[in-house]
């Protein structure tokens, strides 16, 4: 029974990783096509649906960690996925004024290349038991360029959205109301920006340590 359970786990994770891989491959393809044919202003409209699908599907990775399907710590997975969901739905989708910004292009290209490598790496490991050494190197090296460009784009887009959050008061609640509760989405977004200050170096340092472990292990294998 344990063998059957292990096989089902590998089958499920393999299918999950390859499905999301194809989602991110679509994002990159449509982004590059839009850039070539229409410029950066058209990128968001071209990638919106596959971006929303691929990024929202990452919620499953939090569940995978919680139930023990993968060894990735939820403490590392949750902040990264949470920030990306915030950008995908809470900024880009919620405030169309940000959608034509050039940082959308750098964001989706950074995210999609990172995730194409990551999901293909884990997809191969689950399907075949291992991944090629070159893919291992890409998995644990390309973040050194793509993480800074992705994070810079995230911060820039949140900052760009702040005036629209303030003007529209979208998702905010003002008193008086029947719940006797007040909430300002603008302040939540400013707090998110503040969290990036210690959070980004911490995550980068964590990924550097993971790179060292993974590449060292590969050399001794």
N, C-alpha and C. Protein backbone atom coordinates (compact mmCIF):
# COMPACT_ATOMS: atom_id res chain seq x y z
N UNK A 1 0.82 -1.21 0.00
CA UNK A 1 0.00 0.00 0.00
C UNK A 1 0.85 1.26 0.00
N UNK A 2 1.99 1.20 0.75
CA UNK A 2 2.87 2.36 0.79
C UNK A 2 3.41 2.68 -0.58
N UNK A 3 3.73 1.60 -1.36
CA UNK A 3 4.24 1.80 -2.71
C UNK A 3 3.21 2.43 -3.62
N UNK A 4 1.94 2.01 -3.46
CA UNK A 4 0.86 2.58 -4.26
C UNK A 4 0.68 4.05 -3.92
N UNK A 5 0.74 4.36 -2.61
CA UNK A 5 0.59 5.75 -2.18
C UNK A 5 1.70 6.63 -2.72
N UNK A 6 2.93 6.10 -2.72
CA UNK A 6 4.06 6.85 -3.23
C UNK A 6 3.93 7.09 -4.73
N UNK A 7 3.45 6.08 -5.46
CA UNK A 7 3.27 6.21 -6.90
C UNK A 7 2.19 7.24 -7.23
N UNK A 8 1.10 7.22 -6.47
CA UNK A 8 0.03 8.19 -6.69
C UNK A 8 0.50 9.61 -6.39
N UNK A 9 1.30 9.74 -5.33
CA UNK A 9 1.85 11.05 -4.98
C UNK A 9 2.70 11.58 -6.12
N UNK A 10 3.60 10.73 -6.65
CA UNK A 10 4.48 11.14 -7.73
C UNK A 10 3.69 11.47 -8.99
N UNK A 11 2.66 10.68 -9.28
CA UNK A 11 1.82 10.93 -10.45
C UNK A 11 1.11 12.27 -10.33
N UNK A 12 0.52 12.50 -9.16
CA UNK A 12 -0.19 13.77 -8.95
C UNK A 12 0.75 14.96 -9.07
N UNK A 13 1.91 14.90 -8.39
CA UNK A 13 2.84 16.02 -8.42
C UNK A 13 3.43 16.23 -9.82
N UNK A 14 3.64 15.15 -10.55
CA UNK A 14 4.13 15.26 -11.91
C UNK A 14 3.12 15.97 -12.80
N UNK A 15 1.86 15.55 -12.72
CA UNK A 15 0.81 16.19 -13.52
C UNK A 15 0.67 17.65 -13.12
N UNK A 16 0.64 17.92 -11.82
CA UNK A 16 0.51 19.30 -11.34
C UNK A 16 1.63 20.18 -11.89
N UNK A 17 2.88 19.72 -11.76
CA UNK A 17 4.01 20.54 -12.20
C UNK A 17 4.00 20.78 -13.70
N UNK A 18 3.64 19.78 -14.49
CA UNK A 18 3.65 19.97 -15.94
C UNK A 18 2.50 20.83 -16.41
N UNK A 19 1.35 20.72 -15.76
CA UNK A 19 0.21 21.58 -16.12
C UNK A 19 0.56 23.04 -15.87
N UNK A 20 1.13 23.33 -14.70
CA UNK A 20 1.47 24.72 -14.38
C UNK A 20 2.65 25.19 -15.24
N UNK A 21 3.56 24.28 -15.56
CA UNK A 21 4.64 24.61 -16.49
C UNK A 21 4.09 25.13 -17.81
N UNK A 22 3.11 24.45 -18.37
CA UNK A 22 2.53 24.88 -19.65
C UNK A 22 1.79 26.21 -19.50
N UNK A 23 1.23 26.44 -18.32
CA UNK A 23 0.61 27.74 -18.07
C UNK A 23 1.63 28.86 -18.14
N UNK A 24 2.77 28.67 -17.49
CA UNK A 24 3.82 29.71 -17.51
C UNK A 24 4.47 29.82 -18.88
N UNK A 25 4.56 28.71 -19.61
CA UNK A 25 5.10 28.77 -20.97
C UNK A 25 4.21 29.64 -21.85
N UNK A 26 2.90 29.54 -21.65
CA UNK A 26 1.98 30.41 -22.37
C UNK A 26 2.21 31.87 -22.02
N UNK A 27 2.40 32.14 -20.74
CA UNK A 27 2.63 33.52 -20.29
C UNK A 27 3.85 34.10 -21.00
N UNK A 28 4.95 33.36 -21.02
CA UNK A 28 6.17 33.86 -21.66
C UNK A 28 5.97 34.04 -23.16
N UNK A 29 5.34 33.08 -23.80
CA UNK A 29 5.13 33.15 -25.24
C UNK A 29 4.29 34.37 -25.62
N UNK A 30 3.16 34.55 -24.93
CA UNK A 30 2.28 35.67 -25.25
C UNK A 30 2.91 37.02 -24.89
N UNK A 31 3.71 37.03 -23.84
CA UNK A 31 4.38 38.28 -23.45
C UNK A 31 5.39 38.71 -24.51
N UNK A 32 6.22 37.78 -24.94
CA UNK A 32 7.22 38.10 -25.96
C UNK A 32 6.55 38.48 -27.27
N UNK A 33 5.49 37.76 -27.64
CA UNK A 33 4.77 38.06 -28.88
C UNK A 33 4.17 39.46 -28.83
N UNK A 34 3.56 39.80 -27.69
CA UNK A 34 2.95 41.13 -27.55
C UNK A 34 4.01 42.22 -27.59
N UNK A 35 5.14 41.98 -26.94
CA UNK A 35 6.23 42.97 -26.96
C UNK A 35 6.72 43.23 -28.38
N UNK A 36 6.88 42.16 -29.14
CA UNK A 36 7.38 42.29 -30.51
C UNK A 36 6.38 42.99 -31.42
N UNK A 37 5.10 42.65 -31.27
CA UNK A 37 4.10 43.13 -32.22
C UNK A 37 3.44 44.45 -31.82
N UNK A 38 3.28 44.68 -30.50
CA UNK A 38 2.49 45.84 -30.07
C UNK A 38 3.14 46.70 -29.01
N UNK A 39 4.22 46.24 -28.40
CA UNK A 39 4.86 47.02 -27.35
C UNK A 39 4.39 46.62 -25.96
N UNK A 40 5.04 47.18 -24.95
CA UNK A 40 4.79 46.76 -23.58
C UNK A 40 3.38 47.07 -23.10
N UNK A 41 2.73 48.05 -23.71
CA UNK A 41 1.37 48.40 -23.28
C UNK A 41 0.38 47.26 -23.50
N UNK A 42 0.70 46.35 -24.42
CA UNK A 42 -0.23 45.27 -24.77
C UNK A 42 0.06 43.97 -24.04
N UNK A 43 1.11 43.94 -23.24
CA UNK A 43 1.54 42.68 -22.63
C UNK A 43 0.50 42.13 -21.66
N UNK A 44 -0.02 42.97 -20.78
CA UNK A 44 -0.94 42.44 -19.77
C UNK A 44 -2.18 41.81 -20.41
N UNK A 45 -2.76 42.49 -21.37
CA UNK A 45 -3.96 41.95 -22.02
C UNK A 45 -3.67 40.60 -22.67
N UNK A 46 -2.44 40.42 -23.17
CA UNK A 46 -2.07 39.18 -23.84
C UNK A 46 -1.88 38.02 -22.86
N UNK A 47 -1.42 38.33 -21.65
CA UNK A 47 -1.08 37.26 -20.71
C UNK A 47 -2.06 37.10 -19.56
N UNK A 48 -3.08 37.92 -19.48
CA UNK A 48 -3.92 37.98 -18.29
C UNK A 48 -4.45 36.61 -17.85
N UNK A 49 -5.12 35.88 -18.74
CA UNK A 49 -5.73 34.61 -18.36
C UNK A 49 -4.72 33.54 -17.96
N UNK A 50 -3.70 33.28 -18.78
CA UNK A 50 -2.72 32.27 -18.35
C UNK A 50 -1.96 32.69 -17.10
N UNK A 51 -1.71 33.99 -16.94
CA UNK A 51 -1.04 34.47 -15.73
C UNK A 51 -1.88 34.20 -14.50
N UNK A 52 -3.16 34.53 -14.58
CA UNK A 52 -4.05 34.31 -13.44
C UNK A 52 -4.17 32.83 -13.12
N UNK A 53 -4.26 32.00 -14.14
CA UNK A 53 -4.34 30.55 -13.91
C UNK A 53 -3.07 30.02 -13.26
N UNK A 54 -1.92 30.31 -13.88
CA UNK A 54 -0.67 29.75 -13.41
C UNK A 54 -0.32 30.22 -12.00
N UNK A 55 -0.54 31.51 -11.73
CA UNK A 55 -0.18 32.01 -10.41
C UNK A 55 -1.15 31.56 -9.34
N UNK A 56 -2.42 31.52 -9.66
CA UNK A 56 -3.41 31.08 -8.67
C UNK A 56 -3.25 29.60 -8.36
N UNK A 57 -2.83 28.82 -9.34
CA UNK A 57 -2.61 27.38 -9.12
C UNK A 57 -1.54 27.14 -8.07
N UNK A 58 -0.68 28.12 -7.84
CA UNK A 58 0.40 27.97 -6.85
C UNK A 58 -0.14 27.86 -5.43
N UNK A 59 -1.41 28.22 -5.21
CA UNK A 59 -2.02 28.03 -3.89
C UNK A 59 -1.90 26.57 -3.46
N UNK A 60 -1.95 25.67 -4.42
CA UNK A 60 -1.85 24.24 -4.12
C UNK A 60 -0.52 23.91 -3.47
N UNK A 61 0.51 24.68 -3.73
CA UNK A 61 1.82 24.38 -3.16
C UNK A 61 1.85 24.63 -1.66
N UNK A 62 1.03 25.56 -1.21
CA UNK A 62 0.90 25.77 0.24
C UNK A 62 0.25 24.53 0.86
N UNK A 63 -0.79 24.02 0.21
CA UNK A 63 -1.46 22.81 0.69
C UNK A 63 -0.52 21.61 0.63
N UNK A 64 0.26 21.53 -0.42
CA UNK A 64 1.23 20.43 -0.53
C UNK A 64 2.18 20.41 0.66
N UNK A 65 2.64 21.59 1.05
CA UNK A 65 3.54 21.67 2.20
C UNK A 65 2.84 21.34 3.51
N UNK A 66 1.60 21.80 3.64
CA UNK A 66 0.85 21.57 4.88
C UNK A 66 0.56 20.09 5.11
N UNK A 67 0.24 19.36 4.04
CA UNK A 67 -0.12 17.94 4.20
C UNK A 67 1.09 17.02 4.04
N UNK A 68 2.27 17.59 3.76
CA UNK A 68 3.48 16.78 3.70
C UNK A 68 3.76 16.14 2.35
N UNK A 69 3.11 16.59 1.29
CA UNK A 69 3.39 16.04 -0.03
C UNK A 69 4.78 16.44 -0.53
N UNK A 70 5.23 17.64 -0.10
CA UNK A 70 6.57 18.11 -0.45
C UNK A 70 7.28 18.56 0.81
N UNK A 71 8.60 18.68 0.70
CA UNK A 71 9.40 19.05 1.88
C UNK A 71 9.62 20.55 2.02
N UNK A 72 9.18 21.32 1.04
CA UNK A 72 9.38 22.77 1.09
C UNK A 72 8.66 23.36 2.30
N UNK A 73 9.34 24.15 3.13
CA UNK A 73 8.69 24.73 4.31
C UNK A 73 7.63 25.76 3.92
N UNK A 74 6.48 25.68 4.55
CA UNK A 74 5.39 26.61 4.27
C UNK A 74 5.83 28.04 4.60
N UNK A 75 6.70 28.19 5.60
CA UNK A 75 7.16 29.52 5.99
C UNK A 75 7.91 30.23 4.87
N UNK A 76 8.50 29.46 3.94
CA UNK A 76 9.18 30.06 2.80
C UNK A 76 8.24 30.19 1.60
N UNK A 77 7.32 29.23 1.46
CA UNK A 77 6.41 29.21 0.31
C UNK A 77 5.33 30.26 0.42
N UNK A 78 4.75 30.41 1.62
CA UNK A 78 3.60 31.29 1.81
C UNK A 78 3.88 32.75 1.47
N UNK A 79 4.98 33.36 1.95
CA UNK A 79 5.21 34.78 1.63
C UNK A 79 5.38 35.03 0.13
N UNK A 80 6.09 34.12 -0.54
CA UNK A 80 6.35 34.32 -1.96
C UNK A 80 5.06 34.21 -2.77
N UNK A 81 4.27 33.16 -2.49
CA UNK A 81 3.02 32.98 -3.22
C UNK A 81 2.03 34.07 -2.85
N UNK A 82 1.99 34.44 -1.57
CA UNK A 82 1.09 35.50 -1.14
C UNK A 82 1.37 36.82 -1.83
N UNK A 83 2.65 37.18 -1.95
CA UNK A 83 3.00 38.45 -2.59
C UNK A 83 2.65 38.42 -4.08
N UNK A 84 2.84 37.28 -4.70
CA UNK A 84 2.52 37.17 -6.14
C UNK A 84 1.01 37.21 -6.38
N UNK A 85 0.27 36.59 -5.52
CA UNK A 85 -1.20 36.65 -5.65
C UNK A 85 -1.69 38.09 -5.44
N UNK A 86 -1.06 38.77 -4.50
CA UNK A 86 -1.41 40.17 -4.26
C UNK A 86 -1.17 41.00 -5.51
N UNK A 87 -0.02 40.78 -6.18
CA UNK A 87 0.28 41.52 -7.41
C UNK A 87 -0.69 41.13 -8.52
N UNK A 88 -0.95 39.84 -8.65
CA UNK A 88 -1.78 39.35 -9.76
C UNK A 88 -3.21 39.84 -9.66
N UNK A 89 -3.79 39.69 -8.46
CA UNK A 89 -5.20 40.03 -8.28
C UNK A 89 -5.42 41.38 -7.60
N UNK A 90 -4.61 41.68 -6.60
CA UNK A 90 -4.83 42.88 -5.81
C UNK A 90 -4.29 44.15 -6.41
N UNK A 91 -3.41 44.02 -7.41
CA UNK A 91 -2.86 45.20 -8.06
C UNK A 91 -3.22 45.22 -9.55
N UNK A 92 -2.70 44.26 -10.30
CA UNK A 92 -2.88 44.30 -11.76
C UNK A 92 -4.34 44.15 -12.17
N UNK A 93 -5.02 43.16 -11.63
CA UNK A 93 -6.41 42.94 -12.02
C UNK A 93 -7.33 44.01 -11.43
N UNK A 94 -7.03 44.42 -10.20
CA UNK A 94 -7.91 45.37 -9.50
C UNK A 94 -7.76 46.80 -9.98
N UNK A 95 -6.59 47.15 -10.47
CA UNK A 95 -6.34 48.53 -10.88
C UNK A 95 -5.81 48.55 -12.32
N UNK A 96 -6.72 48.58 -13.29
CA UNK A 96 -6.35 48.52 -14.71
C UNK A 96 -5.37 49.61 -15.13
N UNK A 97 -5.31 50.70 -14.37
CA UNK A 97 -4.38 51.78 -14.71
C UNK A 97 -2.92 51.32 -14.71
N UNK A 98 -2.63 50.25 -13.98
CA UNK A 98 -1.26 49.75 -13.90
C UNK A 98 -0.90 48.80 -15.04
N UNK A 99 -1.91 48.35 -15.78
CA UNK A 99 -1.70 47.25 -16.72
C UNK A 99 -0.84 47.60 -17.93
N UNK A 100 -0.74 48.88 -18.28
CA UNK A 100 0.06 49.27 -19.44
C UNK A 100 1.48 49.71 -19.06
N UNK A 101 1.82 49.58 -17.77
CA UNK A 101 3.14 50.01 -17.31
C UNK A 101 4.21 49.05 -17.84
N UNK A 102 5.38 49.59 -18.14
CA UNK A 102 6.46 48.77 -18.66
C UNK A 102 6.93 47.71 -17.66
N UNK A 103 6.72 47.97 -16.37
CA UNK A 103 7.13 46.99 -15.35
C UNK A 103 6.31 45.70 -15.41
N UNK A 104 5.15 45.75 -16.04
CA UNK A 104 4.38 44.52 -16.23
C UNK A 104 5.19 43.54 -17.09
N UNK A 105 5.86 44.06 -18.08
CA UNK A 105 6.67 43.21 -18.97
C UNK A 105 7.82 42.56 -18.20
N UNK A 106 8.56 43.36 -17.44
CA UNK A 106 9.68 42.79 -16.69
C UNK A 106 9.19 41.83 -15.61
N UNK A 107 8.02 42.12 -15.05
CA UNK A 107 7.44 41.23 -14.03
C UNK A 107 7.10 39.88 -14.61
N UNK A 108 6.29 39.85 -15.66
CA UNK A 108 5.81 38.56 -16.18
C UNK A 108 6.93 37.76 -16.84
N UNK A 109 7.91 38.44 -17.44
CA UNK A 109 9.03 37.72 -18.03
C UNK A 109 9.91 37.12 -16.94
N UNK A 110 10.17 37.88 -15.88
CA UNK A 110 10.97 37.36 -14.76
C UNK A 110 10.26 36.18 -14.11
N UNK A 111 8.97 36.35 -13.81
CA UNK A 111 8.19 35.28 -13.19
C UNK A 111 8.14 34.04 -14.09
N UNK A 112 7.83 34.24 -15.36
CA UNK A 112 7.59 33.09 -16.23
C UNK A 112 8.86 32.29 -16.49
N UNK A 113 9.99 32.94 -16.72
CA UNK A 113 11.24 32.19 -16.92
C UNK A 113 11.59 31.41 -15.67
N UNK A 114 11.46 32.07 -14.52
CA UNK A 114 11.73 31.40 -13.24
C UNK A 114 10.87 30.16 -13.08
N UNK A 115 9.59 30.30 -13.36
CA UNK A 115 8.65 29.20 -13.10
C UNK A 115 8.72 28.11 -14.16
N UNK A 116 9.03 28.46 -15.39
CA UNK A 116 9.23 27.44 -16.42
C UNK A 116 10.38 26.52 -16.01
N UNK A 117 11.46 27.11 -15.52
CA UNK A 117 12.60 26.31 -15.07
C UNK A 117 12.22 25.49 -13.84
N UNK A 118 11.57 26.12 -12.89
CA UNK A 118 11.24 25.44 -11.62
C UNK A 118 10.27 24.29 -11.82
N UNK A 119 9.20 24.54 -12.55
CA UNK A 119 8.19 23.49 -12.71
C UNK A 119 8.69 22.35 -13.61
N UNK A 120 9.51 22.66 -14.61
CA UNK A 120 10.06 21.57 -15.43
C UNK A 120 11.05 20.74 -14.62
N UNK A 121 11.80 21.40 -13.73
CA UNK A 121 12.75 20.69 -12.87
C UNK A 121 12.02 19.70 -11.96
N UNK A 122 10.99 20.20 -11.25
CA UNK A 122 10.26 19.31 -10.35
C UNK A 122 9.40 18.31 -11.12
N UNK A 123 8.91 18.70 -12.30
CA UNK A 123 8.15 17.77 -13.12
C UNK A 123 8.99 16.59 -13.55
N UNK A 124 10.24 16.86 -13.94
CA UNK A 124 11.14 15.77 -14.34
C UNK A 124 11.52 14.89 -13.15
N UNK A 125 11.75 15.53 -12.00
CA UNK A 125 12.11 14.75 -10.81
C UNK A 125 10.99 13.79 -10.42
N UNK A 126 9.74 14.27 -10.49
CA UNK A 126 8.61 13.42 -10.11
C UNK A 126 8.33 12.36 -11.17
N UNK A 127 8.47 12.72 -12.44
CA UNK A 127 8.15 11.78 -13.52
C UNK A 127 9.25 10.75 -13.75
N UNK A 128 10.52 11.20 -13.65
CA UNK A 128 11.63 10.31 -14.01
C UNK A 128 12.59 10.02 -12.87
N UNK A 129 12.36 10.65 -11.73
CA UNK A 129 13.22 10.41 -10.58
C UNK A 129 14.43 11.31 -10.49
N UNK A 130 14.74 12.03 -11.54
CA UNK A 130 15.88 12.95 -11.53
C UNK A 130 15.70 13.97 -12.65
N UNK A 131 16.52 15.01 -12.60
CA UNK A 131 16.51 16.05 -13.63
C UNK A 131 17.93 16.23 -14.14
N UNK A 132 18.10 16.66 -15.39
CA UNK A 132 19.45 16.88 -15.93
C UNK A 132 20.24 17.89 -15.11
N UNK A 133 21.56 17.73 -15.10
CA UNK A 133 22.41 18.62 -14.30
C UNK A 133 22.30 20.07 -14.76
N UNK A 134 22.13 20.29 -16.07
CA UNK A 134 22.02 21.66 -16.56
C UNK A 134 20.74 22.33 -16.06
N UNK A 135 19.66 21.52 -15.92
CA UNK A 135 18.41 22.07 -15.41
C UNK A 135 18.52 22.35 -13.92
N UNK A 136 19.25 21.50 -13.21
CA UNK A 136 19.52 21.74 -11.79
C UNK A 136 20.27 23.05 -11.62
N UNK A 137 21.27 23.28 -12.46
CA UNK A 137 22.04 24.53 -12.38
C UNK A 137 21.15 25.73 -12.65
N UNK A 138 20.33 25.65 -13.69
CA UNK A 138 19.41 26.74 -14.01
C UNK A 138 18.45 26.99 -12.86
N UNK A 139 17.93 25.92 -12.28
CA UNK A 139 16.96 26.02 -11.18
C UNK A 139 17.53 26.80 -10.02
N UNK A 140 18.80 26.59 -9.72
CA UNK A 140 19.40 27.20 -8.54
C UNK A 140 20.37 28.34 -8.85
N UNK A 141 20.34 28.86 -10.08
CA UNK A 141 21.26 29.95 -10.44
C UNK A 141 20.56 31.15 -11.08
N UNK A 142 19.56 30.92 -11.90
CA UNK A 142 18.94 32.03 -12.64
C UNK A 142 18.23 33.02 -11.72
N UNK A 143 17.87 32.58 -10.51
CA UNK A 143 17.19 33.50 -9.58
C UNK A 143 18.07 34.69 -9.24
N UNK A 144 19.40 34.54 -9.37
CA UNK A 144 20.30 35.63 -9.00
C UNK A 144 20.09 36.85 -9.89
N UNK A 145 19.59 36.63 -11.10
CA UNK A 145 19.21 37.74 -11.97
C UNK A 145 17.71 38.00 -11.92
N UNK A 146 16.93 36.93 -11.99
CA UNK A 146 15.48 37.07 -12.14
C UNK A 146 14.77 37.48 -10.85
N UNK A 147 15.32 37.11 -9.70
CA UNK A 147 14.69 37.52 -8.45
C UNK A 147 14.76 39.04 -8.26
N UNK A 148 15.93 39.67 -8.45
CA UNK A 148 15.98 41.14 -8.33
C UNK A 148 15.08 41.85 -9.34
N UNK A 149 15.04 41.37 -10.60
CA UNK A 149 14.19 42.05 -11.58
C UNK A 149 12.72 41.84 -11.25
N UNK A 150 12.37 40.65 -10.77
CA UNK A 150 10.98 40.39 -10.40
C UNK A 150 10.55 41.20 -9.19
N UNK A 151 11.39 41.23 -8.16
CA UNK A 151 11.07 41.97 -6.95
C UNK A 151 10.98 43.47 -7.23
N UNK A 152 11.91 43.99 -8.02
CA UNK A 152 11.89 45.41 -8.37
C UNK A 152 10.60 45.77 -9.12
N UNK A 153 10.16 44.88 -9.99
CA UNK A 153 8.92 45.10 -10.73
C UNK A 153 7.71 45.06 -9.81
N UNK A 154 7.72 44.12 -8.86
CA UNK A 154 6.62 44.03 -7.90
C UNK A 154 6.50 45.32 -7.09
N UNK A 155 7.61 45.75 -6.54
CA UNK A 155 7.62 46.97 -5.72
C UNK A 155 7.18 48.17 -6.56
N UNK A 156 7.71 48.27 -7.77
CA UNK A 156 7.37 49.40 -8.64
C UNK A 156 5.89 49.44 -9.00
N UNK A 157 5.29 48.28 -9.24
CA UNK A 157 3.87 48.23 -9.61
C UNK A 157 2.97 48.54 -8.42
N UNK A 158 3.34 48.06 -7.24
CA UNK A 158 2.55 48.41 -6.05
C UNK A 158 2.60 49.92 -5.83
N UNK A 159 3.81 50.48 -5.94
CA UNK A 159 3.96 51.93 -5.76
C UNK A 159 3.14 52.70 -6.81
N UNK A 160 3.15 52.22 -8.03
CA UNK A 160 2.39 52.85 -9.11
C UNK A 160 0.89 52.82 -8.82
N UNK A 161 0.43 51.75 -8.18
CA UNK A 161 -1.00 51.59 -7.92
C UNK A 161 -1.50 52.42 -6.74
N UNK A 162 -0.60 52.90 -5.88
CA UNK A 162 -1.01 53.60 -4.66
C UNK A 162 -1.93 54.80 -4.92
N UNK A 163 -1.62 55.67 -5.88
CA UNK A 163 -2.53 56.81 -6.12
C UNK A 163 -3.94 56.37 -6.54
N UNK A 164 -4.03 55.28 -7.29
CA UNK A 164 -5.34 54.79 -7.73
C UNK A 164 -6.10 54.15 -6.57
N UNK A 165 -5.36 53.51 -5.67
CA UNK A 165 -5.99 52.97 -4.47
C UNK A 165 -6.57 54.09 -3.63
N UNK A 166 -5.80 55.16 -3.50
CA UNK A 166 -6.25 56.30 -2.70
C UNK A 166 -7.44 57.00 -3.34
N UNK A 167 -7.40 57.16 -4.66
CA UNK A 167 -8.47 57.89 -5.36
C UNK A 167 -9.78 57.12 -5.39
N UNK A 168 -9.69 55.81 -5.61
CA UNK A 168 -10.91 55.01 -5.76
C UNK A 168 -11.42 54.44 -4.43
N UNK A 169 -10.52 54.31 -3.43
CA UNK A 169 -10.85 53.68 -2.15
C UNK A 169 -11.40 52.26 -2.35
N UNK A 170 -10.93 51.61 -3.38
CA UNK A 170 -11.37 50.24 -3.66
C UNK A 170 -10.92 49.31 -2.54
N UNK A 171 -11.82 48.41 -2.16
CA UNK A 171 -11.61 47.42 -1.10
C UNK A 171 -11.48 48.04 0.29
N UNK A 172 -11.72 49.34 0.42
CA UNK A 172 -11.66 49.99 1.72
C UNK A 172 -13.06 50.14 2.31
N UNK A 173 -13.13 50.18 3.62
CA UNK A 173 -14.40 50.35 4.33
C UNK A 173 -14.30 51.55 5.25
N UNK A 174 -15.27 52.41 5.16
CA UNK A 174 -15.27 53.60 6.00
C UNK A 174 -16.40 53.51 7.03
N UNK A 175 -16.14 54.05 8.17
CA UNK A 175 -17.17 54.13 9.21
C UNK A 175 -17.98 55.42 9.00
N UNK A 176 -19.24 55.43 9.39
CA UNK A 176 -19.95 54.35 10.09
C UNK A 176 -20.47 53.29 9.13
N UNK A 177 -20.55 52.06 9.61
CA UNK A 177 -21.18 50.97 8.90
C UNK A 177 -21.72 49.98 9.92
N UNK A 178 -22.49 49.02 9.46
CA UNK A 178 -23.17 48.11 10.39
C UNK A 178 -22.21 47.19 11.14
N UNK A 179 -20.99 47.05 10.60
CA UNK A 179 -20.01 46.20 11.29
C UNK A 179 -19.14 47.01 12.26
N UNK A 180 -19.28 48.34 12.23
CA UNK A 180 -18.47 49.22 13.08
C UNK A 180 -16.98 48.92 12.88
N UNK A 181 -16.61 48.85 11.61
CA UNK A 181 -15.26 48.41 11.24
C UNK A 181 -14.73 49.29 10.12
N UNK A 182 -13.46 49.65 10.22
CA UNK A 182 -12.82 50.48 9.20
C UNK A 182 -11.58 49.76 8.68
N UNK A 183 -11.41 49.83 7.36
CA UNK A 183 -10.24 49.18 6.74
C UNK A 183 -9.81 49.99 5.54
N UNK A 184 -8.50 50.19 5.38
CA UNK A 184 -7.96 50.96 4.26
C UNK A 184 -6.98 50.10 3.48
N UNK A 185 -7.38 49.77 2.26
CA UNK A 185 -6.55 48.93 1.39
C UNK A 185 -5.22 49.61 1.06
N UNK A 186 -5.25 50.92 1.00
CA UNK A 186 -4.03 51.68 0.72
C UNK A 186 -2.97 51.40 1.77
N UNK A 187 -3.36 51.43 3.04
CA UNK A 187 -2.39 51.20 4.11
C UNK A 187 -1.86 49.77 4.10
N UNK A 188 -2.73 48.83 3.73
CA UNK A 188 -2.28 47.44 3.60
C UNK A 188 -1.21 47.32 2.52
N UNK A 189 -1.40 48.03 1.42
CA UNK A 189 -0.44 47.99 0.33
C UNK A 189 0.87 48.67 0.72
N UNK A 190 0.78 49.76 1.47
CA UNK A 190 1.99 50.43 1.95
C UNK A 190 2.74 49.50 2.91
N UNK A 191 1.99 48.79 3.75
CA UNK A 191 2.62 47.82 4.65
C UNK A 191 3.32 46.72 3.86
N UNK A 192 2.69 46.28 2.78
CA UNK A 192 3.32 45.27 1.93
C UNK A 192 4.65 45.78 1.38
N UNK A 193 4.68 47.05 0.97
CA UNK A 193 5.93 47.64 0.48
C UNK A 193 6.99 47.66 1.57
N UNK A 194 6.59 47.99 2.78
CA UNK A 194 7.53 48.03 3.90
C UNK A 194 8.10 46.64 4.18
N UNK A 195 7.24 45.61 4.06
CA UNK A 195 7.68 44.23 4.33
C UNK A 195 8.72 43.78 3.32
N UNK A 196 8.65 44.32 2.10
CA UNK A 196 9.64 43.95 1.08
C UNK A 196 11.06 44.32 1.52
N UNK A 197 11.20 45.34 2.36
CA UNK A 197 12.54 45.81 2.74
C UNK A 197 13.33 44.73 3.47
N UNK A 198 12.78 44.12 4.56
CA UNK A 198 13.53 43.02 5.17
C UNK A 198 13.27 41.68 4.48
N UNK A 199 12.09 41.56 3.87
CA UNK A 199 11.69 40.27 3.30
C UNK A 199 12.50 39.86 2.09
N UNK A 200 12.80 40.80 1.21
CA UNK A 200 13.51 40.48 -0.03
C UNK A 200 14.93 39.98 0.23
N UNK A 201 15.73 40.67 1.04
CA UNK A 201 17.07 40.14 1.34
C UNK A 201 17.02 38.78 2.04
N UNK A 202 16.02 38.61 2.91
CA UNK A 202 15.89 37.33 3.62
C UNK A 202 15.63 36.19 2.64
N UNK A 203 14.69 36.41 1.70
CA UNK A 203 14.38 35.37 0.72
C UNK A 203 15.56 35.12 -0.21
N UNK A 204 16.26 36.17 -0.59
CA UNK A 204 17.42 36.01 -1.46
C UNK A 204 18.51 35.19 -0.75
N UNK A 205 18.71 35.49 0.52
CA UNK A 205 19.68 34.73 1.31
C UNK A 205 19.28 33.28 1.46
N UNK A 206 17.98 33.04 1.65
CA UNK A 206 17.47 31.67 1.75
C UNK A 206 17.73 30.91 0.45
N UNK A 207 17.48 31.55 -0.67
CA UNK A 207 17.68 30.90 -1.96
C UNK A 207 19.16 30.64 -2.24
N UNK A 208 20.02 31.54 -1.78
CA UNK A 208 21.46 31.32 -1.92
C UNK A 208 21.90 30.09 -1.12
N UNK A 209 21.37 29.95 0.09
CA UNK A 209 21.72 28.79 0.90
C UNK A 209 21.20 27.50 0.27
N UNK A 210 19.99 27.56 -0.33
CA UNK A 210 19.44 26.39 -1.02
C UNK A 210 20.28 26.04 -2.24
N UNK A 211 20.78 27.05 -2.92
CA UNK A 211 21.64 26.82 -4.08
C UNK A 211 22.93 26.10 -3.67
N UNK A 212 23.52 26.59 -2.60
CA UNK A 212 24.76 25.98 -2.13
C UNK A 212 24.56 24.51 -1.77
N UNK A 213 23.46 24.22 -1.07
CA UNK A 213 23.17 22.83 -0.68
C UNK A 213 22.93 21.96 -1.90
N UNK A 214 22.10 22.46 -2.83
CA UNK A 214 21.73 21.65 -4.00
C UNK A 214 22.92 21.37 -4.90
N UNK A 215 23.75 22.38 -5.16
CA UNK A 215 24.88 22.18 -6.06
C UNK A 215 25.99 21.35 -5.40
N UNK A 216 26.14 21.51 -4.09
CA UNK A 216 27.12 20.69 -3.36
C UNK A 216 26.71 19.23 -3.38
N UNK A 217 25.43 19.00 -3.17
CA UNK A 217 24.89 17.63 -3.17
C UNK A 217 25.04 17.01 -4.55
N UNK A 218 24.84 17.80 -5.61
CA UNK A 218 24.96 17.29 -6.97
C UNK A 218 26.40 16.89 -7.28
N UNK A 219 27.38 17.65 -6.75
CA UNK A 219 28.78 17.33 -7.00
C UNK A 219 29.21 16.03 -6.34
N UNK A 220 28.65 15.76 -5.17
CA UNK A 220 29.04 14.56 -4.42
C UNK A 220 28.24 13.33 -4.83
N UNK A 221 27.16 13.54 -5.61
CA UNK A 221 26.30 12.41 -6.00
C UNK A 221 26.99 11.53 -7.04
